[in-house]
N, C-alpha and C. Protein backbone atom coordinates (compact mmCIF):
# COMPACT_ATOMS: atom_id res chain seq x y z
N UNK A 1 -34.20 7.05 -61.50
CA UNK A 1 -33.47 7.73 -62.44
C UNK A 1 -32.69 8.94 -61.72
N UNK A 2 -31.43 8.95 -62.00
CA UNK A 2 -30.67 10.02 -61.30
C UNK A 2 -29.35 10.27 -61.88
N UNK A 3 -28.53 11.14 -61.25
CA UNK A 3 -27.22 11.34 -61.68
C UNK A 3 -26.46 10.10 -61.56
N UNK A 4 -26.65 9.18 -60.75
CA UNK A 4 -25.95 7.88 -60.79
C UNK A 4 -26.13 7.14 -62.05
N UNK A 5 -27.38 7.24 -62.64
CA UNK A 5 -27.62 6.48 -63.86
C UNK A 5 -26.88 7.15 -64.92
N UNK A 6 -26.88 8.52 -64.92
CA UNK A 6 -26.14 9.28 -65.99
C UNK A 6 -24.63 8.94 -65.86
N UNK A 7 -24.16 8.85 -64.71
CA UNK A 7 -22.70 8.51 -64.56
C UNK A 7 -22.38 7.17 -65.09
N UNK A 8 -23.39 6.20 -64.82
CA UNK A 8 -23.09 4.87 -65.34
C UNK A 8 -23.11 4.69 -66.91
N UNK A 9 -24.03 5.54 -67.50
CA UNK A 9 -23.96 5.63 -68.99
C UNK A 9 -22.74 5.99 -69.50
N UNK A 10 -22.16 7.19 -69.03
CA UNK A 10 -20.97 7.72 -69.60
C UNK A 10 -19.86 6.99 -69.17
N UNK A 11 -19.80 6.47 -68.01
CA UNK A 11 -18.53 5.55 -67.61
C UNK A 11 -18.49 4.27 -68.40
N UNK A 12 -19.60 3.77 -68.60
CA UNK A 12 -19.66 2.38 -69.50
C UNK A 12 -19.17 2.70 -70.91
N UNK A 13 -19.50 3.86 -71.45
CA UNK A 13 -19.19 4.12 -72.82
C UNK A 13 -17.56 4.35 -72.80
N UNK A 14 -17.17 5.22 -71.87
CA UNK A 14 -15.65 5.46 -71.82
C UNK A 14 -14.93 4.19 -71.53
N UNK A 15 -15.27 3.32 -70.65
CA UNK A 15 -14.63 2.13 -70.26
C UNK A 15 -14.61 1.19 -71.47
N UNK A 16 -15.66 1.11 -72.27
CA UNK A 16 -15.62 0.21 -73.36
C UNK A 16 -14.63 0.79 -74.48
N UNK A 17 -14.70 2.08 -74.70
CA UNK A 17 -13.68 2.72 -75.72
C UNK A 17 -12.21 2.39 -75.25
N UNK A 18 -12.02 2.64 -73.89
CA UNK A 18 -10.67 2.61 -73.45
C UNK A 18 -10.16 1.16 -73.52
N UNK A 19 -11.00 0.18 -73.29
CA UNK A 19 -10.55 -1.27 -73.31
C UNK A 19 -10.23 -1.62 -74.82
N UNK A 20 -10.96 -1.05 -75.74
CA UNK A 20 -10.72 -1.39 -77.17
C UNK A 20 -9.62 -0.82 -77.82
N UNK A 21 -9.00 0.20 -77.22
CA UNK A 21 -7.75 0.85 -77.80
C UNK A 21 -6.75 -0.24 -78.05
N UNK A 22 -5.76 0.13 -79.07
CA UNK A 22 -4.66 -0.83 -79.34
C UNK A 22 -3.81 -1.15 -78.13
N UNK A 23 -3.65 -0.12 -77.20
CA UNK A 23 -3.09 -0.26 -75.81
C UNK A 23 -4.10 0.12 -74.98
N UNK A 24 -4.92 -0.88 -74.35
CA UNK A 24 -5.95 -0.54 -73.49
C UNK A 24 -5.56 0.46 -72.30
N UNK A 25 -6.37 1.28 -71.90
CA UNK A 25 -6.25 2.16 -70.84
C UNK A 25 -7.23 1.81 -69.52
N UNK A 26 -6.80 2.10 -68.46
CA UNK A 26 -7.50 1.82 -67.21
C UNK A 26 -8.32 3.11 -67.03
N UNK A 27 -9.54 2.83 -66.75
CA UNK A 27 -10.47 4.01 -66.29
C UNK A 27 -10.76 3.93 -64.98
N UNK A 28 -10.39 4.84 -64.07
CA UNK A 28 -10.61 4.85 -62.58
C UNK A 28 -11.94 5.66 -62.47
N UNK A 29 -12.94 5.22 -61.87
CA UNK A 29 -14.10 5.87 -61.64
C UNK A 29 -14.23 6.24 -60.17
N UNK A 30 -15.22 7.04 -59.81
CA UNK A 30 -15.45 7.66 -58.51
C UNK A 30 -15.51 6.56 -57.46
N UNK A 31 -14.79 6.88 -56.41
CA UNK A 31 -14.77 5.95 -55.15
C UNK A 31 -14.19 4.67 -55.48
N UNK A 32 -13.35 4.43 -56.45
CA UNK A 32 -12.65 3.15 -56.80
C UNK A 32 -11.33 3.22 -56.33
N UNK A 33 -10.88 2.27 -55.61
CA UNK A 33 -9.44 2.07 -55.25
C UNK A 33 -8.64 1.82 -56.37
N UNK A 34 -7.65 2.62 -56.69
CA UNK A 34 -6.79 2.42 -57.86
C UNK A 34 -5.36 3.05 -57.60
N UNK A 35 -4.36 2.23 -57.59
CA UNK A 35 -3.06 2.73 -57.43
C UNK A 35 -2.41 2.49 -58.86
N UNK A 36 -2.07 3.68 -59.52
CA UNK A 36 -1.59 3.71 -60.87
C UNK A 36 -0.11 3.11 -60.78
N UNK A 37 0.23 2.44 -62.01
CA UNK A 37 1.63 2.03 -62.07
C UNK A 37 2.48 3.13 -62.43
N UNK A 38 3.64 3.20 -62.01
CA UNK A 38 4.62 4.23 -62.37
C UNK A 38 4.64 4.37 -63.96
N UNK A 39 4.58 5.57 -64.45
CA UNK A 39 4.84 5.77 -65.85
C UNK A 39 3.54 5.28 -66.75
N UNK A 40 2.54 4.98 -66.21
CA UNK A 40 1.33 4.41 -66.88
C UNK A 40 0.43 5.63 -67.36
N UNK A 41 -0.22 5.61 -68.43
CA UNK A 41 -1.25 6.49 -68.75
C UNK A 41 -2.56 5.92 -68.38
N UNK A 42 -3.50 6.70 -67.89
CA UNK A 42 -4.85 6.18 -67.34
C UNK A 42 -5.79 7.37 -67.40
N UNK A 43 -7.09 6.98 -67.14
CA UNK A 43 -8.12 8.13 -67.18
C UNK A 43 -8.80 7.96 -65.91
N UNK A 44 -9.26 9.15 -65.40
CA UNK A 44 -10.07 9.23 -64.15
C UNK A 44 -11.46 9.95 -64.62
N UNK A 45 -12.53 9.25 -64.32
CA UNK A 45 -13.83 9.81 -64.65
C UNK A 45 -14.56 10.27 -63.49
N UNK A 46 -15.20 11.39 -63.51
CA UNK A 46 -15.97 11.89 -62.53
C UNK A 46 -17.13 12.70 -63.01
N UNK A 47 -18.36 12.50 -62.37
CA UNK A 47 -19.50 13.24 -62.75
C UNK A 47 -19.73 14.35 -61.59
N UNK A 48 -19.91 15.54 -62.22
CA UNK A 48 -20.08 16.71 -61.29
C UNK A 48 -21.61 17.18 -61.40
N UNK A 49 -22.57 16.52 -60.65
CA UNK A 49 -23.95 16.79 -60.84
C UNK A 49 -24.18 18.28 -60.55
N UNK A 50 -25.14 18.91 -61.33
CA UNK A 50 -25.75 20.22 -60.97
C UNK A 50 -27.01 20.13 -60.18
N UNK A 51 -27.66 21.00 -60.00
CA UNK A 51 -29.01 20.90 -59.29
C UNK A 51 -29.99 20.14 -60.04
N UNK A 52 -30.81 19.49 -59.38
CA UNK A 52 -32.01 18.77 -59.97
C UNK A 52 -33.22 19.73 -59.93
N UNK A 53 -33.77 20.01 -61.05
CA UNK A 53 -34.87 20.94 -61.11
C UNK A 53 -36.23 20.27 -61.58
N UNK A 54 -37.29 21.04 -61.56
CA UNK A 54 -38.50 20.66 -62.05
C UNK A 54 -39.14 21.84 -62.81
N UNK A 55 -39.56 21.66 -64.10
CA UNK A 55 -40.10 22.74 -64.83
C UNK A 55 -41.57 22.75 -64.83
N UNK A 56 -42.28 22.01 -64.02
CA UNK A 56 -43.72 21.94 -64.01
C UNK A 56 -44.29 22.18 -62.54
N UNK A 57 -45.34 22.85 -62.47
CA UNK A 57 -45.93 23.05 -61.05
C UNK A 57 -46.40 21.79 -60.55
N UNK A 58 -46.73 20.80 -61.34
CA UNK A 58 -47.27 19.47 -60.93
C UNK A 58 -46.06 18.62 -60.39
N UNK A 59 -44.89 18.93 -60.57
CA UNK A 59 -43.66 18.13 -60.09
C UNK A 59 -43.50 16.82 -60.94
N UNK A 60 -44.16 16.77 -61.98
CA UNK A 60 -44.15 15.48 -62.79
C UNK A 60 -42.93 15.49 -63.71
N UNK A 61 -42.04 16.54 -63.75
CA UNK A 61 -40.84 16.61 -64.58
C UNK A 61 -39.60 16.82 -63.70
N UNK A 62 -38.60 16.21 -64.04
CA UNK A 62 -37.35 16.39 -63.31
C UNK A 62 -36.17 16.66 -64.42
N UNK A 63 -35.49 17.66 -64.11
CA UNK A 63 -34.34 18.09 -65.03
C UNK A 63 -32.96 17.75 -64.33
N UNK A 64 -32.20 16.87 -64.88
CA UNK A 64 -30.87 16.61 -64.34
C UNK A 64 -29.86 17.31 -65.29
N UNK A 65 -28.96 18.05 -64.72
CA UNK A 65 -27.89 18.77 -65.50
C UNK A 65 -26.61 18.59 -64.70
N UNK A 66 -25.46 18.57 -65.36
CA UNK A 66 -24.17 18.40 -64.71
C UNK A 66 -23.06 18.44 -65.81
N UNK A 67 -21.89 17.97 -65.19
CA UNK A 67 -20.69 17.93 -66.09
C UNK A 67 -20.09 16.57 -65.91
N UNK A 68 -19.68 15.96 -67.03
CA UNK A 68 -18.90 14.78 -67.03
C UNK A 68 -17.43 15.06 -67.31
N UNK A 69 -16.53 14.82 -66.46
CA UNK A 69 -15.11 15.06 -66.66
C UNK A 69 -14.28 13.86 -66.81
N UNK A 70 -13.27 13.92 -67.65
CA UNK A 70 -12.30 12.76 -67.75
C UNK A 70 -10.96 13.40 -67.64
N UNK A 71 -10.19 12.99 -66.64
CA UNK A 71 -8.78 13.51 -66.48
C UNK A 71 -7.97 12.50 -67.13
N UNK A 72 -7.14 12.88 -68.09
CA UNK A 72 -6.22 12.12 -68.85
C UNK A 72 -4.89 12.16 -68.11
N UNK A 73 -4.40 11.26 -67.45
CA UNK A 73 -3.18 11.34 -66.65
C UNK A 73 -2.01 10.52 -67.40
N UNK A 74 -1.02 11.27 -67.68
CA UNK A 74 0.17 10.68 -68.36
C UNK A 74 1.46 10.91 -67.62
N UNK A 75 2.51 10.25 -67.99
CA UNK A 75 3.76 10.63 -67.31
C UNK A 75 4.25 12.00 -67.50
N UNK A 76 4.86 12.64 -66.52
CA UNK A 76 5.48 13.94 -66.65
C UNK A 76 6.69 13.98 -67.62
N UNK A 77 6.86 15.11 -68.24
CA UNK A 77 8.10 15.45 -68.97
C UNK A 77 8.11 14.83 -70.43
N UNK A 78 6.83 14.63 -70.89
CA UNK A 78 6.82 13.99 -72.14
C UNK A 78 5.89 14.91 -73.06
N UNK A 79 5.93 16.21 -72.85
CA UNK A 79 5.11 17.24 -73.56
C UNK A 79 3.66 16.87 -73.34
N UNK A 80 2.84 17.16 -74.25
CA UNK A 80 1.40 16.82 -74.05
C UNK A 80 0.84 16.00 -75.24
N UNK A 81 1.61 15.47 -76.02
CA UNK A 81 1.29 14.64 -77.17
C UNK A 81 0.27 13.57 -76.93
N UNK A 82 0.63 12.69 -75.94
CA UNK A 82 -0.29 11.62 -75.68
C UNK A 82 -1.76 12.14 -75.10
N UNK A 83 -1.59 12.99 -74.22
CA UNK A 83 -2.79 13.50 -73.59
C UNK A 83 -3.61 14.27 -74.59
N UNK A 84 -3.08 15.04 -75.44
CA UNK A 84 -3.71 15.82 -76.53
C UNK A 84 -4.47 14.88 -77.50
N UNK A 85 -3.73 13.79 -77.89
CA UNK A 85 -4.35 12.77 -78.78
C UNK A 85 -5.58 12.10 -78.12
N UNK A 86 -5.38 11.82 -76.88
CA UNK A 86 -6.53 11.17 -76.26
C UNK A 86 -7.68 12.14 -75.98
N UNK A 87 -7.38 13.42 -75.78
CA UNK A 87 -8.41 14.42 -75.67
C UNK A 87 -9.20 14.48 -76.93
N UNK A 88 -8.60 14.51 -78.05
CA UNK A 88 -9.27 14.53 -79.35
C UNK A 88 -10.11 13.30 -79.57
N UNK A 89 -9.61 12.13 -79.18
CA UNK A 89 -10.32 10.89 -79.32
C UNK A 89 -11.62 10.90 -78.39
N UNK A 90 -11.48 11.31 -77.21
CA UNK A 90 -12.62 11.55 -76.23
C UNK A 90 -13.63 12.45 -76.79
N UNK A 91 -13.20 13.61 -77.38
CA UNK A 91 -14.06 14.54 -77.99
C UNK A 91 -14.88 13.85 -79.07
N UNK A 92 -14.31 13.06 -79.89
CA UNK A 92 -15.10 12.32 -80.99
C UNK A 92 -16.03 11.21 -80.29
N UNK A 93 -15.64 10.65 -79.21
CA UNK A 93 -16.43 9.69 -78.56
C UNK A 93 -17.83 10.22 -77.96
N UNK A 94 -17.74 11.46 -77.57
CA UNK A 94 -18.96 12.14 -76.91
C UNK A 94 -19.36 13.37 -77.93
N UNK A 95 -19.98 13.11 -79.04
CA UNK A 95 -20.33 14.16 -79.94
C UNK A 95 -21.50 15.04 -79.33
N UNK A 96 -21.47 16.31 -79.77
CA UNK A 96 -22.44 17.20 -79.31
C UNK A 96 -23.88 16.69 -79.68
N UNK A 97 -24.79 16.92 -78.74
CA UNK A 97 -26.23 16.48 -78.83
C UNK A 97 -26.47 14.99 -79.06
N UNK A 98 -25.42 14.25 -78.78
CA UNK A 98 -25.70 12.80 -78.78
C UNK A 98 -26.63 12.36 -77.78
N UNK A 99 -27.54 11.36 -77.97
CA UNK A 99 -28.43 10.80 -76.92
C UNK A 99 -27.82 9.49 -76.55
N UNK A 100 -27.77 9.27 -75.30
CA UNK A 100 -27.55 7.82 -74.72
C UNK A 100 -28.64 7.47 -73.81
N UNK A 101 -29.05 6.29 -73.90
CA UNK A 101 -30.23 5.84 -73.12
C UNK A 101 -29.80 4.59 -72.30
N UNK A 102 -30.46 4.57 -71.05
CA UNK A 102 -30.35 3.44 -70.14
C UNK A 102 -31.76 3.35 -69.47
N UNK A 103 -32.39 2.33 -69.77
CA UNK A 103 -33.74 2.00 -69.22
C UNK A 103 -34.62 3.21 -69.80
N UNK A 104 -35.26 4.03 -68.91
CA UNK A 104 -36.15 5.07 -69.36
C UNK A 104 -35.46 6.44 -69.42
N UNK A 105 -34.28 6.38 -68.98
CA UNK A 105 -33.49 7.72 -69.00
C UNK A 105 -32.76 7.93 -70.25
N UNK A 106 -32.84 9.08 -70.89
CA UNK A 106 -32.07 9.41 -71.88
C UNK A 106 -31.30 10.72 -71.62
N UNK A 107 -29.87 10.74 -71.80
CA UNK A 107 -29.14 11.92 -71.41
C UNK A 107 -28.51 12.38 -72.65
N UNK A 108 -28.36 13.75 -72.72
CA UNK A 108 -27.98 14.28 -74.09
C UNK A 108 -26.69 15.11 -73.57
N UNK A 109 -25.68 15.05 -74.63
CA UNK A 109 -24.45 15.79 -74.47
C UNK A 109 -24.78 17.09 -74.95
N UNK A 110 -24.67 18.20 -74.03
CA UNK A 110 -25.18 19.57 -74.28
C UNK A 110 -23.93 20.55 -74.77
N UNK A 111 -22.77 20.13 -74.54
CA UNK A 111 -21.86 21.09 -74.98
C UNK A 111 -20.71 20.18 -75.62
N UNK A 112 -19.92 20.90 -76.48
CA UNK A 112 -18.79 20.06 -77.03
C UNK A 112 -17.72 19.75 -75.96
N UNK A 113 -17.09 18.73 -76.21
CA UNK A 113 -16.08 18.26 -75.16
C UNK A 113 -14.95 19.47 -75.18
N UNK A 114 -14.66 19.97 -74.00
CA UNK A 114 -13.77 21.00 -73.80
C UNK A 114 -12.53 20.61 -73.09
N UNK A 115 -11.27 20.83 -73.58
CA UNK A 115 -10.02 20.52 -72.97
C UNK A 115 -9.65 21.72 -72.02
N UNK A 116 -9.28 21.34 -70.85
CA UNK A 116 -8.85 22.43 -69.83
C UNK A 116 -7.32 22.37 -69.97
N UNK A 117 -6.81 23.27 -69.13
CA UNK A 117 -5.36 23.38 -69.17
C UNK A 117 -4.71 22.21 -68.54
N UNK A 118 -3.39 21.83 -69.04
CA UNK A 118 -2.67 20.83 -68.33
C UNK A 118 -2.25 21.11 -66.93
N UNK A 119 -2.26 20.06 -66.18
CA UNK A 119 -1.77 20.30 -64.80
C UNK A 119 -0.50 19.42 -64.56
N UNK A 120 0.61 20.09 -64.59
CA UNK A 120 1.93 19.44 -64.30
C UNK A 120 2.04 19.04 -62.75
N UNK A 121 2.64 17.88 -62.62
CA UNK A 121 2.96 17.49 -61.24
C UNK A 121 4.39 16.82 -61.31
N UNK A 122 4.97 16.38 -60.19
CA UNK A 122 6.29 15.87 -60.19
C UNK A 122 6.41 14.63 -61.15
N UNK A 123 5.40 13.68 -61.07
CA UNK A 123 5.52 12.53 -61.89
C UNK A 123 4.36 12.40 -62.94
N UNK A 124 3.41 13.28 -62.89
CA UNK A 124 2.33 13.11 -63.91
C UNK A 124 1.98 14.48 -64.53
N UNK A 125 1.34 14.41 -65.75
CA UNK A 125 0.82 15.50 -66.42
C UNK A 125 -0.67 15.27 -66.68
N UNK A 126 -1.49 15.98 -66.19
CA UNK A 126 -3.04 15.67 -66.33
C UNK A 126 -3.74 16.73 -67.19
N UNK A 127 -4.53 16.20 -68.05
CA UNK A 127 -5.30 17.17 -68.97
C UNK A 127 -6.70 16.77 -68.76
N UNK A 128 -7.57 17.69 -68.12
CA UNK A 128 -8.87 17.42 -68.02
C UNK A 128 -9.75 17.79 -69.32
N UNK A 129 -10.70 16.86 -69.53
CA UNK A 129 -11.77 17.33 -70.66
C UNK A 129 -13.04 17.09 -70.06
N UNK A 130 -14.09 17.84 -70.52
CA UNK A 130 -15.31 17.73 -70.00
C UNK A 130 -16.35 18.33 -70.92
N UNK A 131 -17.70 17.85 -70.55
CA UNK A 131 -18.76 18.42 -71.25
C UNK A 131 -19.97 18.47 -70.31
N UNK A 132 -20.96 19.28 -70.69
CA UNK A 132 -22.18 19.40 -69.90
C UNK A 132 -23.28 18.46 -70.40
N UNK A 133 -24.09 17.93 -69.51
CA UNK A 133 -25.08 16.98 -69.97
C UNK A 133 -26.45 17.50 -69.41
N UNK A 134 -27.57 16.84 -69.96
CA UNK A 134 -28.90 17.18 -69.63
C UNK A 134 -29.78 16.00 -69.84
N UNK A 135 -30.65 15.76 -68.81
CA UNK A 135 -31.57 14.60 -68.94
C UNK A 135 -33.00 15.19 -68.37
N UNK A 136 -33.93 14.87 -69.16
CA UNK A 136 -35.38 15.26 -68.59
C UNK A 136 -36.28 14.08 -68.46
N UNK A 137 -36.87 14.02 -67.37
CA UNK A 137 -37.77 12.74 -67.02
C UNK A 137 -39.21 13.33 -66.88
N UNK A 138 -40.15 12.48 -67.09
CA UNK A 138 -41.54 12.78 -66.71
C UNK A 138 -42.11 11.76 -65.73
């Protein structure tokens, strides 16, 4: 049980949602080779693990915390409409205090999905959205 399991939980949920959209989106995950098509909108998912801690002297507890971030990458020069709409949908996909389980690990969304500032580039406009997570194991 680890941050890798947590990443797989959130990535699977995001990928399933993105595939089910009327116009499916590619989700690029960490360490995946992906060359985007010019003018395409896609998502990049990354897990930013925090420190792993233990809240017991016996060491029988582990606390995993971190941040799950999705970067919404859209073509440049088209305002922020597409990215903003996708950010709202991603916020609805990961509601506050939702519990997701894989095997014996349950991870909880600890903060609302927060939209960061847009990042303009020559050919893309990226809007990051993220939330904090927590998982406790015994």
